[in-house]
N, C-alpha and C. Protein backbone atom coordinates (compact mmCIF):
# COMPACT_ATOMS: atom_id res chain seq x y z
N MET A 1 -12.61 -14.32 11.00
CA MET A 1 -12.17 -13.56 12.15
C MET A 1 -10.93 -12.77 11.79
N THR A 2 -10.96 -11.48 11.98
CA THR A 2 -9.80 -10.66 11.72
C THR A 2 -9.07 -10.39 13.03
N PRO A 3 -7.75 -10.34 12.96
CA PRO A 3 -7.01 -10.08 14.19
C PRO A 3 -7.19 -8.65 14.65
N SER A 4 -6.88 -8.43 15.89
CA SER A 4 -7.01 -7.07 16.42
C SER A 4 -6.01 -6.15 15.73
N LEU A 5 -6.25 -4.89 15.86
CA LEU A 5 -5.39 -3.88 15.26
C LEU A 5 -3.96 -3.99 15.79
N ILE A 6 -3.82 -4.29 17.06
CA ILE A 6 -2.50 -4.40 17.67
C ILE A 6 -1.75 -5.61 17.12
N VAL A 7 -2.44 -6.76 17.03
CA VAL A 7 -1.80 -7.97 16.49
C VAL A 7 -1.38 -7.73 15.05
N SER A 8 -2.23 -7.12 14.26
CA SER A 8 -1.92 -6.83 12.87
C SER A 8 -0.72 -5.88 12.75
N TYR A 9 -0.73 -4.82 13.54
CA TYR A 9 0.35 -3.82 13.49
C TYR A 9 1.70 -4.44 13.89
N VAL A 10 1.72 -5.14 15.00
CA VAL A 10 2.96 -5.75 15.48
C VAL A 10 3.42 -6.87 14.55
N GLY A 11 2.47 -7.69 14.10
CA GLY A 11 2.82 -8.80 13.22
C GLY A 11 3.42 -8.35 11.91
N ARG A 12 2.83 -7.35 11.28
CA ARG A 12 3.38 -6.85 10.00
C ARG A 12 4.78 -6.28 10.17
N ARG A 13 5.05 -5.69 11.31
CA ARG A 13 6.39 -5.15 11.53
C ARG A 13 7.38 -6.22 11.96
N ALA A 14 6.89 -7.33 12.46
CA ALA A 14 7.77 -8.42 12.89
C ALA A 14 8.23 -9.28 11.72
N ILE A 15 7.45 -9.35 10.66
CA ILE A 15 7.77 -10.23 9.54
C ILE A 15 9.16 -9.98 8.96
N PRO A 16 9.56 -8.74 8.67
CA PRO A 16 10.92 -8.55 8.13
C PRO A 16 12.01 -8.97 9.11
N PHE A 17 11.77 -8.80 10.39
CA PHE A 17 12.77 -9.19 11.39
C PHE A 17 12.86 -10.71 11.51
N ILE A 18 11.73 -11.39 11.36
CA ILE A 18 11.75 -12.85 11.36
C ILE A 18 12.54 -13.34 10.17
N GLN A 19 12.33 -12.73 9.01
CA GLN A 19 13.06 -13.13 7.81
C GLN A 19 14.55 -12.80 7.92
N LEU A 20 14.87 -11.69 8.52
CA LEU A 20 16.28 -11.34 8.74
C LEU A 20 16.94 -12.32 9.70
N TYR A 21 16.23 -12.71 10.73
CA TYR A 21 16.76 -13.70 11.67
C TYR A 21 16.98 -15.04 10.98
N ALA A 22 16.08 -15.40 10.07
CA ALA A 22 16.26 -16.65 9.30
C ALA A 22 17.55 -16.60 8.49
N LEU A 23 17.84 -15.46 7.90
CA LEU A 23 19.10 -15.32 7.15
C LEU A 23 20.31 -15.37 8.07
N TYR A 24 20.17 -14.83 9.27
CA TYR A 24 21.23 -14.92 10.27
C TYR A 24 21.50 -16.38 10.64
N VAL A 25 20.43 -17.14 10.87
CA VAL A 25 20.57 -18.56 11.21
C VAL A 25 21.23 -19.30 10.05
N LEU A 26 20.86 -18.95 8.83
CA LEU A 26 21.48 -19.56 7.65
C LEU A 26 22.98 -19.25 7.62
N GLY A 27 23.33 -18.00 7.83
CA GLY A 27 24.73 -17.59 7.73
C GLY A 27 25.63 -18.15 8.80
N HIS A 28 25.09 -18.46 9.94
CA HIS A 28 25.91 -18.97 11.03
C HIS A 28 25.77 -20.47 11.22
N GLY A 29 25.15 -21.14 10.27
CA GLY A 29 24.88 -22.56 10.40
C GLY A 29 26.10 -23.44 10.31
N GLU A 30 27.15 -22.99 9.63
CA GLU A 30 28.33 -23.85 9.53
C GLU A 30 29.23 -23.76 10.75
N ASP A 31 29.11 -22.70 11.52
CA ASP A 31 29.96 -22.53 12.71
C ASP A 31 29.25 -22.90 14.01
N GLY A 32 27.94 -22.91 13.99
CA GLY A 32 27.20 -23.18 15.22
C GLY A 32 25.83 -23.73 14.89
N PRO A 33 24.91 -23.65 15.83
CA PRO A 33 23.57 -24.17 15.57
C PRO A 33 22.89 -23.39 14.46
N GLY A 34 22.18 -24.08 13.64
CA GLY A 34 21.46 -23.43 12.56
C GLY A 34 21.83 -24.02 11.22
N GLY A 35 21.52 -23.31 10.19
CA GLY A 35 21.80 -23.75 8.84
C GLY A 35 20.59 -23.58 7.96
N GLY A 36 20.63 -24.25 6.82
CA GLY A 36 19.58 -24.11 5.83
C GLY A 36 18.22 -24.60 6.28
N PHE A 37 18.19 -25.75 6.94
CA PHE A 37 16.89 -26.29 7.36
C PHE A 37 16.24 -25.39 8.41
N GLN A 38 16.98 -25.06 9.42
CA GLN A 38 16.43 -24.22 10.50
C GLN A 38 16.06 -22.84 9.96
N GLY A 39 16.93 -22.26 9.15
CA GLY A 39 16.63 -20.95 8.56
C GLY A 39 15.41 -21.00 7.66
N GLY A 40 15.25 -22.10 6.92
CA GLY A 40 14.10 -22.24 6.04
C GLY A 40 12.79 -22.33 6.80
N VAL A 41 12.80 -23.05 7.90
CA VAL A 41 11.58 -23.17 8.70
C VAL A 41 11.24 -21.83 9.35
N ILE A 42 12.24 -21.11 9.81
CA ILE A 42 11.99 -19.79 10.41
C ILE A 42 11.45 -18.83 9.35
N PHE A 43 12.04 -18.86 8.15
CA PHE A 43 11.58 -17.99 7.06
C PHE A 43 10.13 -18.32 6.71
N ALA A 44 9.80 -19.62 6.63
CA ALA A 44 8.44 -20.03 6.31
C ALA A 44 7.46 -19.59 7.39
N SER A 45 7.91 -19.52 8.64
CA SER A 45 7.02 -19.09 9.72
C SER A 45 6.55 -17.65 9.53
N SER A 46 7.34 -16.84 8.82
CA SER A 46 6.90 -15.46 8.55
C SER A 46 5.67 -15.46 7.62
N PHE A 47 5.58 -16.45 6.73
CA PHE A 47 4.40 -16.56 5.87
C PHE A 47 3.19 -17.06 6.66
N VAL A 48 3.44 -17.93 7.62
CA VAL A 48 2.35 -18.38 8.50
C VAL A 48 1.79 -17.19 9.28
N LEU A 49 2.67 -16.34 9.78
CA LEU A 49 2.23 -15.14 10.49
C LEU A 49 1.44 -14.23 9.55
N LEU A 50 1.87 -14.13 8.30
CA LEU A 50 1.13 -13.31 7.33
C LEU A 50 -0.28 -13.86 7.12
N VAL A 51 -0.42 -15.18 7.05
CA VAL A 51 -1.75 -15.78 6.91
C VAL A 51 -2.60 -15.45 8.12
N LEU A 52 -2.02 -15.52 9.31
CA LEU A 52 -2.78 -15.24 10.52
C LEU A 52 -3.21 -13.78 10.60
N ILE A 53 -2.42 -12.89 10.00
CA ILE A 53 -2.74 -11.46 10.03
C ILE A 53 -3.69 -11.07 8.91
N ALA A 54 -3.35 -11.44 7.68
CA ALA A 54 -4.07 -10.94 6.51
C ALA A 54 -5.13 -11.89 5.98
N GLY A 55 -5.10 -13.13 6.38
CA GLY A 55 -6.03 -14.11 5.85
C GLY A 55 -5.39 -14.94 4.75
N TRP A 56 -5.99 -16.09 4.48
CA TRP A 56 -5.41 -17.06 3.55
C TRP A 56 -5.32 -16.50 2.14
N ALA A 57 -6.41 -15.91 1.64
CA ALA A 57 -6.44 -15.45 0.25
C ALA A 57 -5.42 -14.33 0.00
N ARG A 58 -5.35 -13.39 0.91
CA ARG A 58 -4.40 -12.27 0.74
C ARG A 58 -2.96 -12.77 0.82
N ALA A 59 -2.67 -13.65 1.76
CA ALA A 59 -1.31 -14.18 1.90
C ALA A 59 -0.93 -15.03 0.70
N ARG A 60 -1.90 -15.74 0.12
CA ARG A 60 -1.60 -16.56 -1.05
C ARG A 60 -1.25 -15.69 -2.25
N LYS A 61 -1.79 -14.47 -2.29
CA LYS A 61 -1.41 -13.53 -3.35
C LYS A 61 0.03 -13.07 -3.17
N ASP A 62 0.49 -12.96 -1.92
CA ASP A 62 1.87 -12.56 -1.65
C ASP A 62 2.86 -13.71 -1.89
N ALA A 63 2.38 -14.94 -1.79
CA ALA A 63 3.22 -16.12 -2.03
C ALA A 63 2.48 -17.06 -2.99
N PRO A 64 2.38 -16.65 -4.27
CA PRO A 64 1.58 -17.45 -5.20
C PRO A 64 2.23 -18.81 -5.50
N GLU A 65 1.39 -19.74 -5.83
CA GLU A 65 1.84 -21.09 -6.14
C GLU A 65 2.80 -21.09 -7.34
N SER A 66 2.59 -20.16 -8.27
CA SER A 66 3.44 -20.10 -9.45
C SER A 66 4.88 -19.68 -9.13
N ILE A 67 5.11 -19.13 -7.97
CA ILE A 67 6.47 -18.77 -7.54
C ILE A 67 7.01 -19.78 -6.54
N VAL A 68 6.18 -20.19 -5.59
CA VAL A 68 6.63 -21.08 -4.53
C VAL A 68 7.01 -22.46 -5.05
N ASP A 69 6.20 -23.03 -5.94
CA ASP A 69 6.47 -24.38 -6.45
C ASP A 69 7.82 -24.47 -7.19
N PRO A 70 8.13 -23.55 -8.10
CA PRO A 70 9.46 -23.63 -8.75
C PRO A 70 10.63 -23.43 -7.79
N LEU A 71 10.40 -22.71 -6.71
CA LEU A 71 11.48 -22.51 -5.74
C LEU A 71 11.89 -23.82 -5.06
N THR A 72 10.94 -24.71 -4.89
CA THR A 72 11.25 -26.01 -4.29
C THR A 72 12.28 -26.74 -5.15
N ALA A 73 12.04 -26.76 -6.44
CA ALA A 73 12.97 -27.42 -7.36
C ALA A 73 14.27 -26.63 -7.50
N THR A 74 14.20 -25.32 -7.44
CA THR A 74 15.40 -24.49 -7.57
C THR A 74 16.40 -24.78 -6.46
N GLY A 75 15.92 -24.90 -5.24
CA GLY A 75 16.81 -25.21 -4.13
C GLY A 75 17.47 -26.57 -4.29
N CYS A 76 16.69 -27.55 -4.74
CA CYS A 76 17.26 -28.90 -4.98
C CYS A 76 18.30 -28.85 -6.09
N LEU A 77 18.01 -28.09 -7.14
CA LEU A 77 18.96 -27.98 -8.26
C LEU A 77 20.24 -27.26 -7.84
N LEU A 78 20.13 -26.28 -6.98
CA LEU A 78 21.32 -25.58 -6.47
C LEU A 78 22.20 -26.55 -5.68
N TYR A 79 21.59 -27.31 -4.81
CA TYR A 79 22.32 -28.29 -4.01
C TYR A 79 23.00 -29.32 -4.92
N ALA A 80 22.23 -29.92 -5.80
CA ALA A 80 22.77 -30.95 -6.68
C ALA A 80 23.78 -30.36 -7.66
N GLY A 81 23.52 -29.16 -8.13
CA GLY A 81 24.43 -28.51 -9.07
C GLY A 81 25.81 -28.28 -8.49
N ILE A 82 25.88 -27.87 -7.25
CA ILE A 82 27.18 -27.68 -6.61
C ILE A 82 27.92 -29.00 -6.53
N GLY A 83 27.20 -30.07 -6.21
CA GLY A 83 27.82 -31.39 -6.16
C GLY A 83 28.36 -31.83 -7.51
N PHE A 84 27.58 -31.62 -8.56
CA PHE A 84 28.03 -32.03 -9.89
C PHE A 84 29.16 -31.16 -10.41
N ILE A 85 29.17 -29.89 -10.06
CA ILE A 85 30.30 -29.02 -10.44
C ILE A 85 31.57 -29.51 -9.77
N CYS A 86 31.47 -29.97 -8.54
CA CYS A 86 32.63 -30.55 -7.86
C CYS A 86 33.17 -31.74 -8.65
N ILE A 87 32.30 -32.57 -9.17
CA ILE A 87 32.72 -33.72 -9.97
C ILE A 87 33.40 -33.24 -11.25
N LEU A 88 32.80 -32.25 -11.92
CA LEU A 88 33.38 -31.73 -13.16
C LEU A 88 34.76 -31.10 -12.94
N LEU A 89 34.98 -30.59 -11.73
CA LEU A 89 36.28 -29.98 -11.42
C LEU A 89 37.30 -30.99 -10.92
N GLY A 90 36.94 -32.27 -10.92
CA GLY A 90 37.89 -33.31 -10.57
C GLY A 90 37.79 -33.85 -9.16
N GLY A 91 36.84 -33.41 -8.41
CA GLY A 91 36.67 -33.90 -7.04
C GLY A 91 35.54 -34.91 -6.97
N ALA A 92 35.20 -35.30 -5.77
CA ALA A 92 34.06 -36.18 -5.53
C ALA A 92 32.81 -35.31 -5.40
N TYR A 93 31.65 -35.96 -5.39
CA TYR A 93 30.40 -35.25 -5.22
C TYR A 93 30.43 -34.52 -3.88
N LEU A 94 30.18 -33.22 -3.91
CA LEU A 94 30.19 -32.34 -2.74
C LEU A 94 31.56 -32.26 -2.07
N GLU A 95 32.63 -32.50 -2.80
CA GLU A 95 33.98 -32.25 -2.29
C GLU A 95 34.32 -30.80 -2.65
N TYR A 96 33.97 -29.91 -1.73
CA TYR A 96 34.00 -28.48 -2.01
C TYR A 96 35.39 -27.94 -2.36
N GLU A 97 36.43 -28.60 -1.89
CA GLU A 97 37.78 -28.13 -2.14
C GLU A 97 38.12 -28.17 -3.63
N ALA A 98 37.37 -28.90 -4.43
CA ALA A 98 37.61 -28.97 -5.87
C ALA A 98 37.43 -27.60 -6.52
N PHE A 99 36.65 -26.73 -5.92
CA PHE A 99 36.48 -25.39 -6.46
C PHE A 99 37.78 -24.60 -6.43
N ALA A 100 38.67 -24.91 -5.53
CA ALA A 100 39.93 -24.18 -5.40
C ALA A 100 40.97 -24.65 -6.42
N GLY A 101 40.82 -25.84 -6.95
CA GLY A 101 41.79 -26.37 -7.90
C GLY A 101 42.74 -27.34 -7.23
N ALA A 102 43.43 -28.10 -8.06
CA ALA A 102 44.30 -29.16 -7.56
C ALA A 102 45.53 -28.63 -6.84
N ASN A 103 46.09 -27.53 -7.30
CA ASN A 103 47.33 -27.00 -6.73
C ASN A 103 47.09 -25.84 -5.76
N ALA A 104 45.92 -25.76 -5.21
CA ALA A 104 45.57 -24.64 -4.33
C ALA A 104 46.20 -24.82 -2.95
N THR A 105 46.39 -23.71 -2.29
CA THR A 105 46.90 -23.73 -0.92
C THR A 105 45.80 -24.18 0.04
N ALA A 106 46.19 -24.47 1.24
CA ALA A 106 45.22 -24.89 2.26
C ALA A 106 44.21 -23.78 2.53
N ALA A 107 44.68 -22.52 2.53
CA ALA A 107 43.77 -21.40 2.78
C ALA A 107 42.75 -21.26 1.64
N ALA A 108 43.21 -21.45 0.40
CA ALA A 108 42.29 -21.36 -0.74
C ALA A 108 41.26 -22.48 -0.69
N LYS A 109 41.70 -23.68 -0.30
CA LYS A 109 40.76 -24.80 -0.19
C LYS A 109 39.73 -24.55 0.91
N GLN A 110 40.18 -23.92 2.00
CA GLN A 110 39.26 -23.61 3.09
C GLN A 110 38.22 -22.57 2.64
N HIS A 111 38.66 -21.57 1.87
CA HIS A 111 37.72 -20.57 1.36
C HIS A 111 36.73 -21.21 0.38
N ALA A 112 37.22 -22.08 -0.48
CA ALA A 112 36.34 -22.77 -1.43
C ALA A 112 35.31 -23.60 -0.68
N HIS A 113 35.76 -24.30 0.35
CA HIS A 113 34.85 -25.10 1.17
C HIS A 113 33.78 -24.21 1.80
N HIS A 114 34.21 -23.08 2.34
CA HIS A 114 33.31 -22.16 3.01
C HIS A 114 32.22 -21.65 2.06
N PHE A 115 32.62 -21.16 0.89
CA PHE A 115 31.65 -20.58 -0.03
C PHE A 115 30.75 -21.62 -0.68
N ALA A 116 31.26 -22.80 -0.97
CA ALA A 116 30.42 -23.86 -1.52
C ALA A 116 29.41 -24.32 -0.48
N LEU A 117 29.82 -24.38 0.77
CA LEU A 117 28.90 -24.78 1.83
C LEU A 117 27.78 -23.77 2.00
N ILE A 118 28.09 -22.50 1.82
CA ILE A 118 27.04 -21.47 1.87
C ILE A 118 26.03 -21.70 0.75
N GLY A 119 26.52 -22.06 -0.44
CA GLY A 119 25.61 -22.36 -1.54
C GLY A 119 24.72 -23.56 -1.25
N ILE A 120 25.32 -24.59 -0.65
CA ILE A 120 24.55 -25.78 -0.28
C ILE A 120 23.47 -25.41 0.74
N GLU A 121 23.85 -24.68 1.76
CA GLU A 121 22.89 -24.29 2.80
C GLU A 121 21.79 -23.39 2.23
N LEU A 122 22.14 -22.53 1.29
CA LEU A 122 21.14 -21.68 0.64
C LEU A 122 20.15 -22.53 -0.14
N GLY A 123 20.64 -23.54 -0.84
CA GLY A 123 19.75 -24.45 -1.56
C GLY A 123 18.80 -25.18 -0.62
N VAL A 124 19.33 -25.62 0.50
CA VAL A 124 18.48 -26.29 1.50
C VAL A 124 17.44 -25.31 2.03
N MET A 125 17.85 -24.08 2.32
CA MET A 125 16.92 -23.09 2.87
C MET A 125 15.80 -22.78 1.87
N ILE A 126 16.15 -22.60 0.61
CA ILE A 126 15.13 -22.30 -0.40
C ILE A 126 14.13 -23.45 -0.49
N THR A 127 14.63 -24.68 -0.54
CA THR A 127 13.75 -25.84 -0.66
C THR A 127 12.86 -26.00 0.57
N VAL A 128 13.44 -25.86 1.75
CA VAL A 128 12.66 -26.03 2.98
C VAL A 128 11.61 -24.93 3.11
N THR A 129 11.99 -23.69 2.82
CA THR A 129 11.03 -22.59 2.90
C THR A 129 9.85 -22.84 1.96
N ALA A 130 10.16 -23.14 0.71
CA ALA A 130 9.09 -23.36 -0.28
C ALA A 130 8.23 -24.56 0.09
N SER A 131 8.85 -25.62 0.58
CA SER A 131 8.09 -26.81 0.96
C SER A 131 7.18 -26.54 2.15
N MET A 132 7.69 -25.85 3.16
CA MET A 132 6.88 -25.55 4.34
C MET A 132 5.74 -24.59 4.00
N VAL A 133 6.01 -23.60 3.16
CA VAL A 133 4.96 -22.67 2.75
C VAL A 133 3.88 -23.42 1.98
N THR A 134 4.28 -24.30 1.06
CA THR A 134 3.31 -25.09 0.30
C THR A 134 2.49 -25.98 1.23
N LEU A 135 3.16 -26.67 2.14
CA LEU A 135 2.43 -27.52 3.09
C LEU A 135 1.43 -26.72 3.91
N TYR A 136 1.85 -25.57 4.41
CA TYR A 136 0.94 -24.78 5.24
C TYR A 136 -0.26 -24.31 4.43
N PHE A 137 -0.02 -23.77 3.22
CA PHE A 137 -1.13 -23.29 2.43
C PHE A 137 -2.08 -24.41 2.03
N GLU A 138 -1.55 -25.58 1.74
CA GLU A 138 -2.42 -26.70 1.36
C GLU A 138 -3.21 -27.22 2.55
N MET A 139 -2.60 -27.26 3.71
CA MET A 139 -3.28 -27.79 4.90
C MET A 139 -4.27 -26.79 5.50
N SER A 140 -4.05 -25.50 5.26
CA SER A 140 -4.91 -24.49 5.86
C SER A 140 -5.90 -23.90 4.86
N ARG A 141 -5.98 -24.47 3.68
CA ARG A 141 -6.87 -23.95 2.64
C ARG A 141 -8.31 -23.92 3.16
N PRO A 142 -8.98 -22.76 3.05
CA PRO A 142 -10.37 -22.68 3.50
C PRO A 142 -11.29 -23.54 2.62
N PRO A 143 -12.41 -24.00 3.16
CA PRO A 143 -13.30 -24.87 2.39
C PRO A 143 -13.77 -24.27 1.07
N GLU A 144 -14.01 -22.97 1.04
CA GLU A 144 -14.50 -22.34 -0.19
C GLU A 144 -13.41 -22.26 -1.27
N GLU A 145 -12.15 -22.46 -0.89
CA GLU A 145 -11.04 -22.42 -1.84
C GLU A 145 -10.61 -23.81 -2.30
N ARG A 146 -11.16 -24.85 -1.74
CA ARG A 146 -10.67 -26.20 -2.01
C ARG A 146 -10.92 -26.67 -3.42
N ASN A 147 -12.00 -26.26 -4.05
CA ASN A 147 -12.30 -26.70 -5.41
C ASN A 147 -11.96 -25.65 -6.45
N ALA A 148 -11.64 -24.46 -6.01
CA ALA A 148 -11.33 -23.39 -6.96
C ALA A 148 -9.85 -23.44 -7.33
N PRO A 149 -9.53 -23.27 -8.62
CA PRO A 149 -8.12 -23.22 -9.00
C PRO A 149 -7.47 -21.95 -8.47
N GLU A 150 -6.23 -22.07 -8.02
CA GLU A 150 -5.55 -20.92 -7.41
C GLU A 150 -5.13 -19.86 -8.40
N ASP A 151 -4.85 -20.27 -9.65
CA ASP A 151 -4.34 -19.30 -10.62
C ASP A 151 -5.45 -18.49 -11.30
N GLY A 152 -6.71 -18.79 -10.95
CA GLY A 152 -7.81 -18.04 -11.51
C GLY A 152 -8.26 -18.56 -12.86
N SER A 153 -7.62 -19.57 -13.40
CA SER A 153 -8.03 -20.12 -14.69
C SER A 153 -9.17 -21.10 -14.49
N GLY A 154 -10.09 -21.11 -15.41
CA GLY A 154 -11.18 -22.06 -15.32
C GLY A 154 -12.28 -21.56 -14.40
N ASP A 155 -13.38 -22.28 -14.42
CA ASP A 155 -14.51 -21.94 -13.57
C ASP A 155 -14.44 -22.71 -12.28
N SER A 156 -14.86 -22.10 -11.20
CA SER A 156 -14.81 -22.79 -9.91
C SER A 156 -15.94 -23.79 -9.74
N ASP A 157 -16.99 -23.70 -10.60
CA ASP A 157 -18.09 -24.64 -10.47
C ASP A 157 -17.89 -25.93 -11.27
N GLY A 158 -16.75 -26.04 -11.93
CA GLY A 158 -16.40 -27.27 -12.64
C GLY A 158 -16.91 -27.31 -14.06
N GLU A 159 -17.68 -26.30 -14.52
CA GLU A 159 -18.17 -26.27 -15.88
C GLU A 159 -17.25 -25.45 -16.74
N GLY A 160 -16.88 -25.98 -17.86
CA GLY A 160 -16.00 -25.28 -18.77
C GLY A 160 -16.78 -24.35 -19.68
N ALA A 161 -16.07 -23.62 -20.53
CA ALA A 161 -16.68 -22.65 -21.43
C ALA A 161 -17.45 -23.36 -22.54
N ASP A 162 -17.05 -24.58 -22.92
CA ASP A 162 -17.69 -25.28 -24.01
C ASP A 162 -18.71 -26.30 -23.53
N ALA A 163 -19.15 -26.21 -22.29
CA ALA A 163 -20.14 -27.17 -21.77
C ALA A 163 -21.53 -26.74 -22.08
């Protein structure tokens, strides 16, 4: 079933605004409601809308498994990396003020805290977006795609070249 022309037209134009709103939620997460998790779920919802508009196969080409899967680990590594850098700089794990240095002013420590927190929230957003996109694609996979490899390698009937 293909969506109507109006749904397709409006949906395709809404996707960039949904993604922009997700970045807004990410950016304002430390001062108010929102943050990496909420922004990540909103960003992932734009891919769900793309599936509803273009179909599973076309949307999977726009968000291939070879890109989405490494992003899950990248977000986790960004989060953990910031924590370990804090330790290397002499602070505790995720003690963001360590980025400013031991003799820094209160204002410098506040800026360091602010920017490190943005990095943490970005890592959370990347991981949540990639995880939600992966979950949606795996749960909504059409029956004809369930046994076929996504990367196009191999035969979909299970017989190899040397069989």
